[in-house]
């Protein structure tokens, strides 16, 4: 969808600086984005992973069998959180803690290191205390939901106008954006 939004910006008058455009994107596409994200998560949780030294399985199956073999972590058979739950004590020596969780086979995999280096170039400004900069990649994107710029009757009109548009392909979504943006522009010309 990222290319879709970029194309709307370049070719179809999307201005991400206008809260009204962000509101319209949310109004038109947020449910679609959430549905597609959920579909992606379900697909990921169901895909089969190659697991060295054990049978190949999906993340969902791994969790399921982990709960069966080791019990729910802090949850009883009825799904209630156990008040007296205590995690299993670690039996690591203090010198082992800093290496805990390191997969040494992966750590020594030169192909993986090369891939990581090519996909994550060094940030040469990271250690300079005099430069304020943003990292090239962000893990969290917070988006405030904008208020609806339309009055109730205007929103009803937009709903009525767009209710029959299909949204199952990018072409349909493009047509919906173009039409909805024009309707919103027209609404404010009538006022």
N, C-alpha and C. Protein backbone atom coordinates (compact mmCIF):
# COMPACT_ATOMS: atom_id res chain seq x y z
N UNK A 1 0.82 -1.20 0.00
CA UNK A 1 0.00 0.00 0.00
C UNK A 1 0.86 1.26 0.00
N UNK A 2 2.13 1.11 0.40
CA UNK A 2 2.99 2.29 0.46
C UNK A 2 3.09 2.96 -0.91
N UNK A 3 3.29 2.16 -1.96
CA UNK A 3 3.36 2.73 -3.31
C UNK A 3 2.04 3.37 -3.70
N UNK A 4 0.95 2.77 -3.26
CA UNK A 4 -0.36 3.32 -3.55
C UNK A 4 -0.48 4.74 -3.02
N UNK A 5 -0.10 4.95 -1.75
CA UNK A 5 -0.18 6.28 -1.16
C UNK A 5 0.80 7.24 -1.81
N UNK A 6 1.98 6.75 -2.14
CA UNK A 6 2.95 7.61 -2.84
C UNK A 6 2.40 8.05 -4.18
N UNK A 7 1.77 7.13 -4.90
CA UNK A 7 1.18 7.49 -6.19
C UNK A 7 0.04 8.48 -6.04
N UNK A 8 -0.77 8.33 -5.00
CA UNK A 8 -1.83 9.31 -4.77
C UNK A 8 -1.23 10.69 -4.53
N UNK A 9 -0.11 10.72 -3.83
CA UNK A 9 0.54 11.99 -3.54
C UNK A 9 1.10 12.62 -4.82
N UNK A 10 1.73 11.81 -5.66
CA UNK A 10 2.37 12.33 -6.87
C UNK A 10 1.34 12.67 -7.95
N UNK A 11 0.35 11.80 -8.14
CA UNK A 11 -0.54 11.94 -9.29
C UNK A 11 -1.96 12.40 -8.97
N UNK A 12 -2.40 12.27 -7.72
CA UNK A 12 -3.82 12.47 -7.43
C UNK A 12 -4.10 13.40 -6.27
N UNK A 13 -3.22 14.37 -6.07
CA UNK A 13 -3.46 15.51 -5.18
C UNK A 13 -3.49 15.19 -3.69
N UNK A 14 -3.04 14.00 -3.27
CA UNK A 14 -2.94 13.73 -1.84
C UNK A 14 -1.87 14.64 -1.25
N UNK A 15 -2.25 15.39 -0.22
CA UNK A 15 -1.29 16.24 0.48
C UNK A 15 -1.23 15.77 1.93
N UNK A 16 -0.16 15.05 2.31
CA UNK A 16 -0.09 14.50 3.66
C UNK A 16 0.05 15.56 4.75
N UNK A 17 0.25 16.81 4.36
CA UNK A 17 0.34 17.89 5.34
C UNK A 17 -1.05 18.41 5.74
N UNK A 18 -2.06 18.09 4.96
CA UNK A 18 -3.42 18.54 5.25
C UNK A 18 -4.15 17.51 6.11
N UNK A 19 -4.58 17.93 7.29
CA UNK A 19 -5.27 16.98 8.18
C UNK A 19 -6.53 16.44 7.51
N UNK A 20 -7.17 17.24 6.65
CA UNK A 20 -8.38 16.78 5.98
C UNK A 20 -8.08 15.62 5.03
N UNK A 21 -6.91 15.63 4.40
CA UNK A 21 -6.53 14.53 3.52
C UNK A 21 -6.22 13.28 4.34
N UNK A 22 -5.56 13.47 5.48
CA UNK A 22 -5.27 12.33 6.35
C UNK A 22 -6.58 11.74 6.87
N UNK A 23 -7.51 12.62 7.25
CA UNK A 23 -8.82 12.13 7.70
C UNK A 23 -9.47 11.32 6.58
N UNK A 24 -9.44 11.82 5.34
CA UNK A 24 -10.08 11.12 4.23
C UNK A 24 -9.41 9.77 3.98
N UNK A 25 -8.09 9.71 4.09
CA UNK A 25 -7.41 8.42 3.96
C UNK A 25 -7.89 7.44 5.02
N UNK A 26 -7.97 7.91 6.27
CA UNK A 26 -8.46 7.05 7.35
C UNK A 26 -9.89 6.60 7.06
N UNK A 27 -10.71 7.53 6.69
CA UNK A 27 -12.12 7.25 6.43
C UNK A 27 -12.28 6.20 5.33
N UNK A 28 -11.50 6.35 4.26
CA UNK A 28 -11.65 5.46 3.11
C UNK A 28 -10.92 4.12 3.28
N UNK A 29 -9.74 4.14 3.89
CA UNK A 29 -8.87 2.98 3.79
C UNK A 29 -8.42 2.35 5.10
N UNK A 30 -8.73 2.93 6.25
CA UNK A 30 -8.20 2.37 7.50
C UNK A 30 -8.71 0.95 7.75
N UNK A 31 -9.97 0.70 7.48
CA UNK A 31 -10.49 -0.66 7.66
C UNK A 31 -9.79 -1.65 6.73
N UNK A 32 -9.53 -1.22 5.50
CA UNK A 32 -8.84 -2.08 4.53
C UNK A 32 -7.42 -2.37 5.02
N UNK A 33 -6.73 -1.34 5.49
CA UNK A 33 -5.36 -1.52 5.98
C UNK A 33 -5.35 -2.47 7.17
N UNK A 34 -6.26 -2.26 8.10
CA UNK A 34 -6.33 -3.14 9.27
C UNK A 34 -6.64 -4.58 8.88
N UNK A 35 -7.55 -4.76 7.93
CA UNK A 35 -7.89 -6.11 7.46
C UNK A 35 -6.69 -6.77 6.80
N UNK A 36 -5.97 -6.01 5.96
CA UNK A 36 -4.81 -6.57 5.29
C UNK A 36 -3.69 -6.87 6.28
N UNK A 37 -3.53 -6.03 7.30
CA UNK A 37 -2.51 -6.28 8.33
C UNK A 37 -2.85 -7.55 9.10
N UNK A 38 -4.12 -7.73 9.43
CA UNK A 38 -4.56 -8.93 10.13
C UNK A 38 -4.34 -10.17 9.26
N UNK A 39 -4.65 -10.05 7.97
CA UNK A 39 -4.42 -11.15 7.03
C UNK A 39 -2.93 -11.49 6.99
N UNK A 40 -2.08 -10.46 6.93
CA UNK A 40 -0.63 -10.70 6.92
C UNK A 40 -0.20 -11.43 8.19
N UNK A 41 -0.68 -10.97 9.35
CA UNK A 41 -0.31 -11.59 10.62
C UNK A 41 -0.77 -13.05 10.66
N UNK A 42 -1.98 -13.31 10.19
CA UNK A 42 -2.48 -14.69 10.18
C UNK A 42 -1.66 -15.55 9.22
N UNK A 43 -1.30 -14.99 8.08
CA UNK A 43 -0.47 -15.73 7.12
C UNK A 43 0.89 -16.03 7.74
N UNK A 44 1.48 -15.02 8.38
CA UNK A 44 2.78 -15.22 9.03
C UNK A 44 2.68 -16.30 10.10
N UNK A 45 1.68 -16.22 10.94
CA UNK A 45 1.55 -17.19 12.03
C UNK A 45 1.27 -18.60 11.54
N UNK A 46 0.81 -18.73 10.29
CA UNK A 46 0.49 -20.04 9.74
C UNK A 46 1.56 -20.58 8.80
N UNK A 47 2.55 -19.76 8.44
CA UNK A 47 3.55 -20.25 7.48
C UNK A 47 4.50 -21.24 8.15
N UNK A 48 5.02 -22.15 7.35
CA UNK A 48 5.93 -23.16 7.87
C UNK A 48 7.35 -22.62 7.87
N UNK A 49 8.01 -22.75 9.02
CA UNK A 49 9.39 -22.30 9.15
C UNK A 49 10.31 -23.52 9.15
N UNK A 50 11.49 -23.34 8.57
CA UNK A 50 12.52 -24.37 8.63
C UNK A 50 13.26 -24.19 9.94
N UNK A 51 13.23 -25.20 10.77
CA UNK A 51 13.81 -25.11 12.11
C UNK A 51 14.91 -26.16 12.25
N UNK A 52 16.17 -25.73 12.24
CA UNK A 52 17.27 -26.69 12.34
C UNK A 52 17.17 -27.52 13.63
N UNK A 53 17.32 -28.82 13.47
CA UNK A 53 17.32 -29.70 14.64
C UNK A 53 15.95 -30.09 15.16
N UNK A 54 14.89 -29.60 14.53
CA UNK A 54 13.54 -29.98 14.95
C UNK A 54 12.63 -29.98 13.73
N UNK A 55 11.42 -30.46 13.92
CA UNK A 55 10.53 -30.53 12.75
C UNK A 55 10.09 -29.13 12.35
N UNK A 56 9.85 -28.95 11.07
CA UNK A 56 9.39 -27.67 10.55
C UNK A 56 7.96 -27.44 11.01
N UNK A 57 7.67 -26.21 11.40
CA UNK A 57 6.33 -25.91 11.89
C UNK A 57 6.05 -24.42 11.78
N UNK A 58 4.81 -24.05 12.02
CA UNK A 58 4.39 -22.64 11.96
C UNK A 58 4.54 -22.00 13.34
N UNK A 59 4.64 -20.66 13.40
CA UNK A 59 4.66 -19.99 14.71
C UNK A 59 3.43 -20.34 15.55
N UNK A 60 2.27 -20.44 14.91
CA UNK A 60 1.04 -20.79 15.65
C UNK A 60 1.16 -22.18 16.28
N UNK A 61 1.62 -23.14 15.49
CA UNK A 61 1.76 -24.51 16.00
C UNK A 61 2.82 -24.57 17.10
N UNK A 62 3.91 -23.83 16.93
CA UNK A 62 4.95 -23.83 17.96
C UNK A 62 4.40 -23.31 19.29
N UNK A 63 3.63 -22.25 19.23
CA UNK A 63 3.04 -21.71 20.46
C UNK A 63 2.05 -22.71 21.06
N UNK A 64 1.21 -23.28 20.21
CA UNK A 64 0.20 -24.24 20.67
C UNK A 64 0.86 -25.42 21.38
N UNK A 65 1.87 -26.02 20.73
CA UNK A 65 2.52 -27.19 21.33
C UNK A 65 3.35 -26.80 22.55
N UNK A 66 3.85 -25.58 22.57
CA UNK A 66 4.57 -25.10 23.75
C UNK A 66 3.64 -25.01 24.95
N UNK A 67 2.43 -24.52 24.72
CA UNK A 67 1.44 -24.43 25.81
C UNK A 67 1.05 -25.83 26.27
N UNK A 68 0.89 -26.75 25.33
CA UNK A 68 0.52 -28.12 25.70
C UNK A 68 1.64 -28.78 26.50
N UNK A 69 2.87 -28.64 26.03
CA UNK A 69 3.97 -29.34 26.70
C UNK A 69 4.45 -28.63 27.96
N UNK A 70 4.43 -27.31 27.96
CA UNK A 70 4.95 -26.58 29.11
C UNK A 70 3.91 -25.87 29.92
N UNK A 71 2.67 -25.92 29.47
CA UNK A 71 1.61 -25.21 30.16
C UNK A 71 1.57 -23.74 29.76
N UNK A 72 0.42 -23.15 29.97
CA UNK A 72 0.29 -21.72 29.70
C UNK A 72 1.12 -20.94 30.68
N UNK A 73 1.81 -19.97 30.22
CA UNK A 73 2.68 -19.18 31.09
C UNK A 73 1.82 -18.23 31.92
N UNK A 74 1.54 -18.62 33.16
CA UNK A 74 0.78 -17.75 34.04
C UNK A 74 -0.71 -17.80 33.84
N UNK A 75 -1.20 -18.80 33.10
CA UNK A 75 -2.63 -18.91 32.81
C UNK A 75 -3.06 -20.33 33.14
N UNK A 76 -4.18 -20.48 33.86
CA UNK A 76 -4.65 -21.83 34.17
C UNK A 76 -5.49 -22.38 33.02
N UNK A 77 -6.03 -23.59 33.20
CA UNK A 77 -6.76 -24.26 32.13
C UNK A 77 -8.01 -23.51 31.71
N UNK A 78 -8.53 -22.62 32.55
CA UNK A 78 -9.73 -21.87 32.23
C UNK A 78 -9.42 -20.50 31.64
N UNK A 79 -8.14 -20.22 31.42
CA UNK A 79 -7.76 -18.94 30.83
C UNK A 79 -7.60 -17.82 31.84
N UNK A 80 -7.64 -18.13 33.13
CA UNK A 80 -7.50 -17.10 34.16
C UNK A 80 -6.03 -16.91 34.52
N UNK A 81 -5.63 -15.68 34.69
CA UNK A 81 -4.25 -15.38 35.08
C UNK A 81 -4.04 -15.84 36.51
N UNK A 82 -2.97 -16.57 36.71
CA UNK A 82 -2.65 -17.08 38.05
C UNK A 82 -1.99 -15.98 38.86
N UNK A 83 -2.55 -15.72 40.03
CA UNK A 83 -2.02 -14.65 40.88
C UNK A 83 -0.64 -14.98 41.42
N UNK A 84 -0.40 -16.26 41.69
CA UNK A 84 0.87 -16.63 42.29
C UNK A 84 1.88 -17.13 41.25
N UNK A 85 1.69 -16.75 40.00
CA UNK A 85 2.60 -17.19 38.95
C UNK A 85 4.00 -16.66 39.19
N UNK A 86 4.95 -17.55 39.12
CA UNK A 86 6.35 -17.17 39.22
C UNK A 86 7.07 -17.78 38.03
N UNK A 87 7.79 -16.98 37.28
CA UNK A 87 8.51 -17.55 36.13
C UNK A 87 9.57 -18.55 36.62
N UNK A 88 9.89 -19.47 35.74
CA UNK A 88 10.91 -20.46 36.07
C UNK A 88 12.22 -19.74 36.31
N UNK A 89 12.90 -20.10 37.38
CA UNK A 89 14.17 -19.44 37.73
C UNK A 89 15.23 -19.79 36.70
N UNK A 90 15.99 -18.80 36.30
CA UNK A 90 17.11 -19.03 35.39
C UNK A 90 18.25 -19.67 36.16
N UNK A 91 18.84 -20.67 35.56
CA UNK A 91 19.99 -21.30 36.20
C UNK A 91 21.28 -20.93 35.48
N UNK A 92 21.32 -19.71 34.97
CA UNK A 92 22.50 -19.23 34.28
C UNK A 92 23.50 -18.66 35.27
N UNK A 93 24.74 -18.94 35.02
CA UNK A 93 25.79 -18.31 35.81
C UNK A 93 25.91 -16.86 35.35
N UNK A 94 26.33 -15.95 36.22
CA UNK A 94 26.41 -14.53 35.84
C UNK A 94 27.21 -14.28 34.57
N UNK A 95 28.27 -15.04 34.33
CA UNK A 95 29.07 -14.82 33.12
C UNK A 95 28.36 -15.33 31.86
N UNK A 96 27.32 -16.17 32.02
CA UNK A 96 26.57 -16.67 30.87
C UNK A 96 25.44 -15.74 30.44
N UNK A 97 25.04 -14.84 31.31
CA UNK A 97 23.88 -13.99 31.04
C UNK A 97 24.09 -13.13 29.80
N UNK A 98 25.28 -12.56 29.63
CA UNK A 98 25.50 -11.66 28.49
C UNK A 98 25.46 -12.40 27.16
N UNK A 99 25.61 -13.73 27.16
CA UNK A 99 25.54 -14.50 25.93
C UNK A 99 24.21 -15.24 25.78
N UNK A 100 23.31 -15.06 26.72
CA UNK A 100 22.03 -15.77 26.70
C UNK A 100 21.24 -15.39 25.44
N UNK A 101 20.75 -16.37 24.75
CA UNK A 101 19.91 -16.13 23.59
C UNK A 101 20.67 -15.96 22.29
N UNK A 102 21.98 -16.02 22.31
CA UNK A 102 22.76 -15.87 21.08
C UNK A 102 22.81 -17.22 20.38
N UNK A 103 22.41 -17.23 19.14
CA UNK A 103 22.51 -18.42 18.31
C UNK A 103 23.86 -18.33 17.61
N UNK A 104 24.84 -19.09 18.10
CA UNK A 104 26.20 -18.96 17.59
C UNK A 104 26.33 -19.39 16.15
N UNK A 105 25.52 -20.36 15.69
CA UNK A 105 25.58 -20.76 14.28
C UNK A 105 25.17 -19.59 13.39
N UNK A 106 24.12 -18.90 13.78
CA UNK A 106 23.66 -17.74 13.02
C UNK A 106 24.67 -16.60 13.14
N UNK A 107 25.22 -16.41 14.32
CA UNK A 107 26.18 -15.34 14.54
C UNK A 107 27.40 -15.49 13.64
N UNK A 108 27.79 -16.72 13.37
CA UNK A 108 28.97 -16.98 12.54
C UNK A 108 28.63 -17.16 11.07
N UNK A 109 27.39 -16.93 10.67
CA UNK A 109 26.95 -17.08 9.28
C UNK A 109 27.33 -15.82 8.50
N UNK A 110 28.35 -15.92 7.64
CA UNK A 110 28.85 -14.76 6.90
C UNK A 110 27.84 -14.24 5.89
N UNK A 111 27.06 -15.12 5.28
CA UNK A 111 26.04 -14.70 4.33
C UNK A 111 25.00 -13.82 5.02
N UNK A 112 24.60 -14.20 6.21
CA UNK A 112 23.64 -13.42 6.97
C UNK A 112 24.23 -12.07 7.37
N UNK A 113 25.50 -12.06 7.77
CA UNK A 113 26.17 -10.80 8.12
C UNK A 113 26.23 -9.86 6.91
N UNK A 114 26.56 -10.41 5.74
CA UNK A 114 26.62 -9.59 4.53
C UNK A 114 25.25 -9.01 4.20
N UNK A 115 24.21 -9.83 4.32
CA UNK A 115 22.85 -9.35 4.07
C UNK A 115 22.49 -8.23 5.05
N UNK A 116 22.78 -8.44 6.32
CA UNK A 116 22.48 -7.43 7.34
C UNK A 116 23.22 -6.13 7.05
N UNK A 117 24.50 -6.24 6.68
CA UNK A 117 25.29 -5.04 6.39
C UNK A 117 24.76 -4.29 5.17
N UNK A 118 24.32 -5.03 4.14
CA UNK A 118 23.82 -4.36 2.94
C UNK A 118 22.46 -3.71 3.18
N UNK A 119 21.63 -4.30 4.04
CA UNK A 119 20.30 -3.77 4.30
C UNK A 119 20.27 -2.73 5.42
N UNK A 120 21.32 -2.65 6.21
CA UNK A 120 21.38 -1.73 7.35
C UNK A 120 22.71 -0.99 7.35
N UNK A 121 22.85 -0.01 6.45
CA UNK A 121 24.12 0.71 6.40
C UNK A 121 24.38 1.43 7.72
N UNK A 122 25.66 1.63 8.05
CA UNK A 122 25.97 2.28 9.32
C UNK A 122 25.46 3.72 9.35
N UNK A 123 25.05 4.15 10.51
CA UNK A 123 24.61 5.53 10.72
C UNK A 123 25.81 6.31 11.22
N UNK A 124 26.45 7.04 10.31
CA UNK A 124 27.70 7.73 10.64
C UNK A 124 27.49 8.91 11.58
N UNK A 125 26.26 9.33 11.77
CA UNK A 125 25.99 10.46 12.66
C UNK A 125 25.53 10.01 14.05
N UNK A 126 25.38 8.74 14.26
CA UNK A 126 24.78 8.25 15.50
C UNK A 126 25.56 8.63 16.75
N UNK A 127 26.86 8.73 16.64
CA UNK A 127 27.66 9.00 17.84
C UNK A 127 28.11 10.45 17.94
N UNK A 128 27.61 11.31 17.07
CA UNK A 128 27.99 12.72 17.11
C UNK A 128 26.99 13.46 18.00
N UNK A 129 27.43 13.94 19.18
CA UNK A 129 26.49 14.58 20.10
C UNK A 129 26.05 15.97 19.65
N UNK A 130 26.62 16.49 18.56
CA UNK A 130 26.29 17.83 18.11
C UNK A 130 25.34 17.83 16.91
N UNK A 131 24.95 16.67 16.47
CA UNK A 131 24.08 16.57 15.31
C UNK A 131 22.75 15.97 15.75
N UNK A 132 21.68 16.70 15.47
CA UNK A 132 20.35 16.17 15.73
C UNK A 132 19.86 15.56 14.42
N UNK A 133 19.54 14.31 14.45
CA UNK A 133 19.09 13.65 13.23
C UNK A 133 18.12 12.54 13.60
N UNK A 134 17.44 12.08 12.59
CA UNK A 134 16.53 10.95 12.75
C UNK A 134 17.17 9.74 12.13
N UNK A 135 17.01 8.57 12.72
CA UNK A 135 17.53 7.36 12.07
C UNK A 135 16.79 7.13 10.76
N UNK A 136 17.45 6.41 9.86
CA UNK A 136 16.84 6.16 8.55
C UNK A 136 15.62 5.25 8.65
N UNK A 137 15.59 4.40 9.65
CA UNK A 137 14.47 3.49 9.81
C UNK A 137 13.84 3.72 11.18
N UNK A 138 12.52 3.71 11.21
CA UNK A 138 11.78 3.90 12.46
C UNK A 138 11.00 2.64 12.76
N UNK A 139 10.93 2.28 14.02
CA UNK A 139 10.17 1.10 14.41
C UNK A 139 8.72 1.44 14.75
N UNK A 140 8.49 2.66 15.19
CA UNK A 140 7.15 3.04 15.63
C UNK A 140 6.72 4.29 14.86
N UNK A 141 5.53 4.26 14.35
CA UNK A 141 4.96 5.43 13.70
C UNK A 141 3.66 5.74 14.41
N UNK A 142 3.61 6.88 15.08
CA UNK A 142 2.40 7.28 15.77
C UNK A 142 1.64 8.26 14.88
N UNK A 143 0.38 7.98 14.65
CA UNK A 143 -0.44 8.84 13.81
C UNK A 143 -1.67 9.23 14.62
N UNK A 144 -1.81 10.52 14.86
CA UNK A 144 -3.00 10.99 15.56
C UNK A 144 -4.17 10.96 14.59
N UNK A 145 -5.29 10.47 15.08
CA UNK A 145 -6.47 10.43 14.23
C UNK A 145 -7.06 11.83 14.11
N UNK A 146 -7.13 12.34 12.89
CA UNK A 146 -7.66 13.70 12.72
C UNK A 146 -9.17 13.74 12.90
N UNK A 147 -9.66 14.89 13.32
CA UNK A 147 -11.10 15.09 13.46
C UNK A 147 -11.73 15.19 12.08
N UNK A 148 -12.96 14.76 11.98
CA UNK A 148 -13.70 14.84 10.72
C UNK A 148 -13.96 16.30 10.38
N UNK A 149 -13.54 16.74 9.20
CA UNK A 149 -13.76 18.14 8.82
C UNK A 149 -15.16 18.40 8.28
N UNK A 150 -15.98 17.36 8.16
CA UNK A 150 -17.31 17.50 7.58
C UNK A 150 -18.38 17.58 8.66
N UNK A 151 -19.44 18.31 8.36
CA UNK A 151 -20.61 18.31 9.24
C UNK A 151 -21.40 17.04 8.96
N UNK A 152 -22.35 16.72 9.83
CA UNK A 152 -23.09 15.46 9.74
C UNK A 152 -23.73 15.27 8.37
N UNK A 153 -24.39 16.31 7.83
CA UNK A 153 -25.05 16.17 6.52
C UNK A 153 -24.03 15.96 5.41
N UNK A 154 -22.90 16.63 5.51
CA UNK A 154 -21.85 16.47 4.50
C UNK A 154 -21.28 15.05 4.53
N UNK A 155 -21.09 14.54 5.74
CA UNK A 155 -20.58 13.18 5.87
C UNK A 155 -21.59 12.17 5.33
N UNK A 156 -22.87 12.40 5.58
CA UNK A 156 -23.91 11.53 5.03
C UNK A 156 -23.86 11.54 3.50
N UNK A 157 -23.67 12.72 2.93
CA UNK A 157 -23.58 12.83 1.47
C UNK A 157 -22.37 12.04 0.95
N UNK A 158 -21.22 12.20 1.61
CA UNK A 158 -20.02 11.46 1.20
C UNK A 158 -20.25 9.96 1.33
N UNK A 159 -20.88 9.53 2.42
CA UNK A 159 -21.21 8.11 2.60
C UNK A 159 -22.08 7.60 1.46
N UNK A 160 -23.13 8.34 1.15
CA UNK A 160 -24.05 7.93 0.09
C UNK A 160 -23.34 7.86 -1.26
N UNK A 161 -22.47 8.82 -1.51
CA UNK A 161 -21.77 8.88 -2.80
C UNK A 161 -20.78 7.73 -2.96
N UNK A 162 -20.11 7.35 -1.87
CA UNK A 162 -19.02 6.37 -1.98
C UNK A 162 -19.42 4.94 -1.61
N UNK A 163 -20.65 4.73 -1.13
CA UNK A 163 -21.01 3.41 -0.61
C UNK A 163 -20.97 2.30 -1.65
N UNK A 164 -21.15 2.60 -2.91
CA UNK A 164 -21.17 1.54 -3.93
C UNK A 164 -19.82 1.31 -4.60
N UNK A 165 -18.80 2.05 -4.18
CA UNK A 165 -17.48 1.86 -4.76
C UNK A 165 -16.89 0.54 -4.26
N UNK A 166 -16.26 -0.18 -5.16
CA UNK A 166 -15.53 -1.39 -4.78
C UNK A 166 -14.15 -0.98 -4.27
N UNK A 167 -13.58 -1.80 -3.38
CA UNK A 167 -12.24 -1.49 -2.87
C UNK A 167 -11.34 -2.72 -2.88
N UNK A 168 -11.68 -3.72 -3.70
CA UNK A 168 -10.91 -4.96 -3.66
C UNK A 168 -9.64 -4.94 -4.50
N UNK A 169 -9.45 -3.94 -5.35
CA UNK A 169 -8.20 -3.82 -6.10
C UNK A 169 -7.65 -2.41 -5.92
N UNK A 170 -6.38 -2.25 -6.24
CA UNK A 170 -5.77 -0.92 -6.13
C UNK A 170 -6.41 0.06 -7.11
N UNK A 171 -6.83 -0.44 -8.26
CA UNK A 171 -7.50 0.43 -9.22
C UNK A 171 -8.82 0.95 -8.66
N UNK A 172 -9.57 0.07 -8.00
CA UNK A 172 -10.83 0.49 -7.37
C UNK A 172 -10.57 1.49 -6.25
N UNK A 173 -9.53 1.25 -5.46
CA UNK A 173 -9.19 2.17 -4.37
C UNK A 173 -8.76 3.52 -4.91
N UNK A 174 -8.04 3.49 -6.01
CA UNK A 174 -7.63 4.74 -6.66
C UNK A 174 -8.86 5.53 -7.10
N UNK A 175 -9.78 4.85 -7.76
CA UNK A 175 -11.01 5.51 -8.21
C UNK A 175 -11.80 6.07 -7.03
N UNK A 176 -11.84 5.34 -5.94
CA UNK A 176 -12.54 5.81 -4.74
C UNK A 176 -11.88 7.07 -4.20
N UNK A 177 -10.55 7.09 -4.10
CA UNK A 177 -9.85 8.29 -3.61
C UNK A 177 -10.17 9.50 -4.48
N UNK A 178 -10.03 9.34 -5.79
CA UNK A 178 -10.24 10.46 -6.72
C UNK A 178 -11.66 10.99 -6.57
N UNK A 179 -12.64 10.09 -6.55
CA UNK A 179 -14.04 10.52 -6.44
C UNK A 179 -14.33 11.15 -5.09
N UNK A 180 -13.86 10.54 -4.01
CA UNK A 180 -14.14 11.07 -2.67
C UNK A 180 -13.48 12.43 -2.46
N UNK A 181 -12.26 12.59 -2.95
CA UNK A 181 -11.59 13.88 -2.82
C UNK A 181 -12.37 14.96 -3.58
N UNK A 182 -12.84 14.62 -4.77
CA UNK A 182 -13.61 15.59 -5.55
C UNK A 182 -14.93 15.94 -4.85
N UNK A 183 -15.59 14.94 -4.29
CA UNK A 183 -16.83 15.20 -3.55
C UNK A 183 -16.56 16.14 -2.39
N UNK A 184 -15.50 15.88 -1.64
CA UNK A 184 -15.17 16.75 -0.50
C UNK A 184 -14.85 18.17 -0.96
N UNK A 185 -14.14 18.29 -2.06
CA UNK A 185 -13.85 19.63 -2.58
C UNK A 185 -15.14 20.33 -2.99
N UNK A 186 -16.02 19.59 -3.66
CA UNK A 186 -17.29 20.17 -4.10
C UNK A 186 -18.16 20.57 -2.92
N UNK A 187 -18.17 19.76 -1.87
CA UNK A 187 -18.97 20.08 -0.69
C UNK A 187 -18.61 21.45 -0.16
N UNK A 188 -17.33 21.75 -0.10
CA UNK A 188 -16.92 23.04 0.45
C UNK A 188 -17.09 24.19 -0.53
N UNK A 189 -17.24 23.89 -1.81
CA UNK A 189 -17.56 24.95 -2.76
C UNK A 189 -19.03 25.35 -2.67
N UNK A 190 -19.88 24.42 -2.23
CA UNK A 190 -21.31 24.70 -2.12
C UNK A 190 -21.64 25.52 -0.89
N UNK A 191 -20.74 25.50 0.09
CA UNK A 191 -21.02 26.18 1.36
C UNK A 191 -21.00 27.68 1.19
